[in-house]
Amino acid sequence: MYRATVHVTLRPSILDPQGKAIQSALDSLGQTAIESVRTGKRFVLTINADSEQEAREAATKACETLLANAVMEDFEVESVHALELVA
């Protein structure tokens, strides 16, 4: 068993109104050092696979087919690691 962490974000060319609203709120709270905010989604997948490579491929396929909108979003399979199973 493996655990994969995936991040899905809007492409840089796509407007992010939620990120803009968050940045504006931070600015009004005095957090003026933060110049921009981009929002996204984080998925943690538990994958039944025989190898790390197979788990990474399964996570990538999940992103390509469902988790990320290929027209508007980019994704990154950030990490894949084996789970220690407790007996």
Protein backbone atom coordinates (compact mmCIF):
# COMPACT_ATOMS: atom_id res chain seq x y z
CA MET A 1 0.00 0.00 0.00
CA TYR A 2 1.16 3.48 -0.84
CA ARG A 3 0.01 6.98 0.01
CA ALA A 4 0.19 9.68 -2.65
CA THR A 5 -0.30 13.40 -2.10
CA VAL A 6 -1.58 15.31 -5.11
CA HIS A 7 -1.96 19.07 -5.57
CA VAL A 8 -4.32 20.48 -8.20
CA THR A 9 -4.13 24.20 -9.00
CA LEU A 10 -5.59 26.52 -11.56
CA ARG A 11 -3.28 27.21 -14.47
CA PRO A 12 -1.50 30.59 -14.21
CA SER A 13 -3.54 31.95 -17.14
CA ILE A 14 -6.86 31.22 -15.35
CA LEU A 15 -8.27 33.90 -13.05
CA ASP A 16 -8.59 32.83 -9.41
CA PRO A 17 -11.36 34.93 -7.83
CA GLN A 18 -11.22 32.97 -4.57
CA GLY A 19 -7.47 33.55 -4.31
CA LYS A 20 -7.99 37.24 -5.06
CA ALA A 21 -10.63 37.51 -2.31
CA ILE A 22 -8.31 35.79 0.19
CA GLN A 23 -5.44 38.10 -0.75
CA SER A 24 -7.69 41.13 -0.31
CA ALA A 25 -8.84 39.90 3.11
CA LEU A 26 -5.25 39.30 4.20
CA ASP A 27 -4.34 42.79 3.05
CA SER A 28 -7.20 44.28 5.09
CA LEU A 29 -5.92 42.33 8.13
CA GLY A 30 -2.52 43.97 7.79
CA GLN A 31 -0.80 41.07 6.01
CA THR A 32 0.53 43.40 3.33
CA ALA A 33 3.64 41.33 2.58
CA ILE A 34 1.49 38.72 0.81
CA GLU A 35 1.23 39.92 -2.77
CA SER A 36 -0.94 37.17 -4.26
CA VAL A 37 -2.78 33.97 -3.39
CA ARG A 38 -3.64 31.05 -5.67
CA THR A 39 -6.03 28.43 -4.37
CA GLY A 40 -6.10 24.75 -5.14
CA LYS A 41 -7.09 21.30 -3.97
CA ARG A 42 -5.09 18.66 -2.11
CA PHE A 43 -5.88 14.98 -2.41
CA VAL A 44 -4.39 12.19 -0.31
CA LEU A 45 -4.78 8.84 -2.04
CA THR A 46 -4.23 5.40 -0.54
CA ILE A 47 -3.23 3.12 -3.40
CA ASN A 48 -2.95 -0.65 -3.52
CA ALA A 49 0.11 -1.14 -5.75
CA ASP A 50 3.16 -3.38 -5.96
CA SER A 51 5.70 -0.58 -6.36
CA GLU A 52 6.15 3.14 -5.88
CA GLN A 53 6.24 3.61 -9.66
CA GLU A 54 2.94 1.76 -10.07
CA ALA A 55 1.38 3.89 -7.30
CA ARG A 56 2.65 7.10 -8.93
CA GLU A 57 1.19 6.00 -12.27
CA ALA A 58 -2.18 5.27 -10.61
CA ALA A 59 -2.19 8.71 -8.95
CA THR A 60 -1.30 10.38 -12.25
CA LYS A 61 -4.08 8.52 -14.08
CA ALA A 62 -6.58 9.54 -11.37
CA CYS A 63 -5.61 13.18 -11.93
CA GLU A 64 -5.79 12.92 -15.71
CA THR A 65 -9.20 11.24 -15.70
CA LEU A 66 -11.05 12.87 -12.78
CA LEU A 67 -9.23 14.94 -10.17
CA ALA A 68 -7.94 17.72 -12.45
CA ASN A 69 -9.69 19.55 -15.27
CA ALA A 70 -7.10 19.36 -18.07
CA VAL A 71 -8.37 22.60 -19.63
CA MET A 72 -8.07 24.77 -16.52
CA GLU A 73 -5.90 22.99 -13.96
CA ASP A 74 -2.41 21.64 -13.48
CA PHE A 75 -1.57 18.84 -11.08
CA GLU A 76 1.50 17.58 -9.29
CA VAL A 77 1.93 14.20 -7.65
CA GLU A 78 3.96 15.61 -4.78
CA SER A 79 4.91 12.48 -2.92
CA VAL A 80 4.39 8.75 -2.97
CA HIS A 81 5.51 6.61 -0.07
CA ALA A 82 4.89 3.13 1.26
CA LEU A 83 2.53 2.77 4.18
CA GLU A 84 3.63 0.76 7.16
CA LEU A 85 0.93 -1.76 7.87
CA VAL A 86 0.33 -2.54 11.53
CA ALA A 87 -0.61 -6.15 12.22
